[in-house]
Amino acid sequence: MPVSALPPAHFALAQRERWQEHRGLTFTLVTQRVDALHEQAGSRALINVHALRRSNGPRELHLVPA
């Protein structure tokens, strides 16, 4: 997806990350999205979480490296 077509919320979150870092604060975005749109918008401090559900079992959470 071209960067110009990304949803505005992705850019807003990346901007918030930079705003907080500039003030010496931390910002970590935890998302279930694994489509790299947050990275394309400029986010760097990401934790991608992906949930898998087996047919008759509990959900398993997997961290996906950003």
N, C-alpha and C. Protein backbone atom coordinates (compact mmCIF):
# COMPACT_ATOMS: atom_id res chain seq x y z
N MET A 1 0.85 -1.17 0.00
CA MET A 1 0.00 0.00 0.00
C MET A 1 0.90 1.24 0.00
N PRO A 2 0.63 2.19 -0.88
CA PRO A 2 1.43 3.42 -0.88
C PRO A 2 1.26 4.18 0.44
N VAL A 3 2.33 4.79 0.90
CA VAL A 3 2.29 5.52 2.17
C VAL A 3 1.18 6.57 2.15
N SER A 4 0.94 7.19 1.02
CA SER A 4 -0.09 8.22 0.94
C SER A 4 -1.50 7.67 1.15
N ALA A 5 -1.67 6.35 1.03
CA ALA A 5 -3.00 5.74 1.19
C ALA A 5 -3.23 5.17 2.58
N LEU A 6 -2.25 5.29 3.47
CA LEU A 6 -2.41 4.75 4.82
C LEU A 6 -3.48 5.52 5.58
N PRO A 7 -4.21 4.85 6.47
CA PRO A 7 -5.20 5.54 7.29
C PRO A 7 -4.53 6.58 8.19
N PRO A 8 -5.17 7.72 8.41
CA PRO A 8 -4.58 8.80 9.22
C PRO A 8 -4.24 8.36 10.64
N ALA A 9 -4.95 7.41 11.21
CA ALA A 9 -4.67 6.97 12.58
C ALA A 9 -3.26 6.39 12.71
N HIS A 10 -2.77 5.73 11.68
CA HIS A 10 -1.43 5.17 11.73
C HIS A 10 -0.39 6.28 11.85
N PHE A 11 -0.58 7.36 11.11
CA PHE A 11 0.34 8.50 11.20
C PHE A 11 0.22 9.20 12.56
N ALA A 12 -0.99 9.29 13.09
CA ALA A 12 -1.21 9.94 14.39
C ALA A 12 -0.48 9.17 15.49
N LEU A 13 -0.51 7.86 15.45
CA LEU A 13 0.18 7.06 16.46
C LEU A 13 1.70 7.21 16.34
N ALA A 14 2.21 7.24 15.12
CA ALA A 14 3.65 7.44 14.92
C ALA A 14 4.06 8.84 15.41
N GLN A 15 3.23 9.83 15.17
CA GLN A 15 3.52 11.18 15.62
C GLN A 15 3.50 11.25 17.15
N ARG A 16 2.56 10.56 17.77
CA ARG A 16 2.49 10.53 19.24
C ARG A 16 3.75 9.88 19.81
N GLU A 17 4.23 8.83 19.17
CA GLU A 17 5.45 8.17 19.61
C GLU A 17 6.62 9.16 19.61
N ARG A 18 6.78 9.90 18.53
CA ARG A 18 7.86 10.89 18.43
C ARG A 18 7.68 12.00 19.45
N TRP A 19 6.45 12.46 19.66
CA TRP A 19 6.15 13.52 20.62
C TRP A 19 6.59 13.10 22.02
N GLN A 20 6.25 11.88 22.40
CA GLN A 20 6.62 11.39 23.73
C GLN A 20 8.12 11.19 23.86
N GLU A 21 8.77 10.63 22.84
CA GLU A 21 10.22 10.43 22.87
C GLU A 21 10.95 11.76 23.00
N HIS A 22 10.47 12.78 22.33
CA HIS A 22 11.07 14.11 22.39
C HIS A 22 11.05 14.66 23.82
N ARG A 23 10.09 14.24 24.61
CA ARG A 23 9.95 14.70 25.99
C ARG A 23 10.56 13.72 27.00
N GLY A 24 11.29 12.74 26.51
CA GLY A 24 11.95 11.78 27.38
C GLY A 24 11.03 10.69 27.91
N LEU A 25 9.87 10.56 27.32
CA LEU A 25 8.90 9.55 27.74
C LEU A 25 8.96 8.35 26.80
N THR A 26 8.42 7.25 27.24
CA THR A 26 8.38 6.07 26.38
C THR A 26 6.99 5.89 25.78
N PHE A 27 6.95 5.20 24.68
CA PHE A 27 5.70 4.91 23.99
C PHE A 27 5.88 3.56 23.33
N THR A 28 4.99 2.65 23.62
CA THR A 28 5.01 1.35 22.97
C THR A 28 3.61 1.07 22.43
N LEU A 29 3.55 0.76 21.16
CA LEU A 29 2.28 0.45 20.51
C LEU A 29 2.12 -1.06 20.46
N VAL A 30 1.06 -1.56 21.05
CA VAL A 30 0.75 -2.99 21.01
C VAL A 30 -0.42 -3.15 20.05
N THR A 31 -0.23 -3.96 19.04
CA THR A 31 -1.24 -4.09 18.00
C THR A 31 -1.40 -5.56 17.60
N GLN A 32 -2.58 -5.88 17.11
CA GLN A 32 -2.79 -7.22 16.57
C GLN A 32 -2.61 -7.23 15.06
N ARG A 33 -2.32 -6.08 14.51
CA ARG A 33 -2.11 -5.99 13.07
C ARG A 33 -0.71 -6.46 12.72
N VAL A 34 -0.58 -7.28 11.74
CA VAL A 34 0.73 -7.76 11.30
C VAL A 34 0.93 -7.44 9.82
N ASP A 35 0.33 -6.35 9.37
CA ASP A 35 0.41 -5.98 7.96
C ASP A 35 1.44 -4.89 7.68
N ALA A 36 2.21 -4.50 8.69
CA ALA A 36 3.30 -3.52 8.57
C ALA A 36 2.83 -2.10 8.27
N LEU A 37 1.55 -1.81 8.41
CA LEU A 37 1.07 -0.45 8.15
C LEU A 37 1.61 0.54 9.18
N HIS A 38 1.73 0.10 10.44
CA HIS A 38 2.26 0.99 11.47
C HIS A 38 3.72 1.34 11.17
N GLU A 39 4.50 0.35 10.73
CA GLU A 39 5.89 0.60 10.38
C GLU A 39 5.98 1.56 9.19
N GLN A 40 5.13 1.38 8.21
CA GLN A 40 5.13 2.26 7.04
C GLN A 40 4.81 3.70 7.42
N ALA A 41 3.99 3.88 8.46
CA ALA A 41 3.61 5.22 8.91
C ALA A 41 4.69 5.85 9.79
N GLY A 42 5.68 5.04 10.23
CA GLY A 42 6.79 5.59 10.99
C GLY A 42 6.90 5.12 12.43
N SER A 43 6.02 4.24 12.88
CA SER A 43 6.12 3.73 14.26
C SER A 43 7.34 2.82 14.36
N ARG A 44 8.04 2.93 15.51
CA ARG A 44 9.24 2.11 15.73
C ARG A 44 9.11 1.21 16.94
N ALA A 45 8.42 1.66 17.98
CA ALA A 45 8.30 0.88 19.22
C ALA A 45 7.01 0.06 19.15
N LEU A 46 7.09 -1.10 18.52
CA LEU A 46 5.91 -1.91 18.28
C LEU A 46 6.01 -3.28 18.92
N ILE A 47 4.89 -3.76 19.39
CA ILE A 47 4.74 -5.16 19.78
C ILE A 47 3.53 -5.66 19.01
N ASN A 48 3.76 -6.60 18.12
CA ASN A 48 2.68 -7.20 17.35
C ASN A 48 2.23 -8.48 18.06
N VAL A 49 0.95 -8.59 18.34
CA VAL A 49 0.40 -9.76 19.01
C VAL A 49 -0.58 -10.41 18.04
N HIS A 50 -0.43 -11.69 17.88
CA HIS A 50 -1.31 -12.43 16.98
C HIS A 50 -1.92 -13.59 17.76
N ALA A 51 -3.23 -13.68 17.77
CA ALA A 51 -3.92 -14.75 18.51
C ALA A 51 -4.33 -15.86 17.56
N LEU A 52 -4.03 -17.06 17.95
CA LEU A 52 -4.44 -18.23 17.18
C LEU A 52 -5.45 -19.02 18.02
N ARG A 53 -6.47 -19.50 17.39
CA ARG A 53 -7.45 -20.31 18.12
C ARG A 53 -7.53 -21.68 17.45
N ARG A 54 -7.26 -22.67 18.23
CA ARG A 54 -7.40 -24.03 17.72
C ARG A 54 -8.85 -24.42 17.82
N SER A 55 -9.28 -25.40 17.07
CA SER A 55 -10.70 -25.73 16.94
C SER A 55 -11.42 -25.88 18.28
N ASN A 56 -10.90 -26.62 19.22
CA ASN A 56 -11.59 -26.81 20.49
C ASN A 56 -10.71 -26.45 21.68
N GLY A 57 -9.77 -25.59 21.47
CA GLY A 57 -8.84 -25.26 22.54
C GLY A 57 -8.82 -23.76 22.83
N PRO A 58 -8.04 -23.39 23.82
CA PRO A 58 -7.94 -21.98 24.16
C PRO A 58 -7.11 -21.22 23.13
N ARG A 59 -7.24 -19.92 23.18
CA ARG A 59 -6.43 -19.10 22.27
C ARG A 59 -4.99 -19.07 22.75
N GLU A 60 -4.09 -19.03 21.81
CA GLU A 60 -2.69 -18.89 22.10
C GLU A 60 -2.21 -17.57 21.54
N LEU A 61 -1.51 -16.80 22.34
CA LEU A 61 -0.99 -15.52 21.89
C LEU A 61 0.47 -15.68 21.47
N HIS A 62 0.80 -15.09 20.35
CA HIS A 62 2.16 -15.14 19.84
C HIS A 62 2.64 -13.72 19.57
N LEU A 63 3.83 -13.39 20.06
CA LEU A 63 4.43 -12.11 19.74
C LEU A 63 5.16 -12.26 18.42
N VAL A 64 4.89 -11.33 17.52
CA VAL A 64 5.51 -11.35 16.21
C VAL A 64 6.51 -10.20 16.16
N PRO A 65 7.78 -10.48 15.89
CA PRO A 65 8.76 -9.40 15.86
C PRO A 65 8.36 -8.31 14.87
N ALA A 66 8.54 -7.07 15.30
CA ALA A 66 8.19 -5.93 14.42
C ALA A 66 9.27 -5.71 13.40
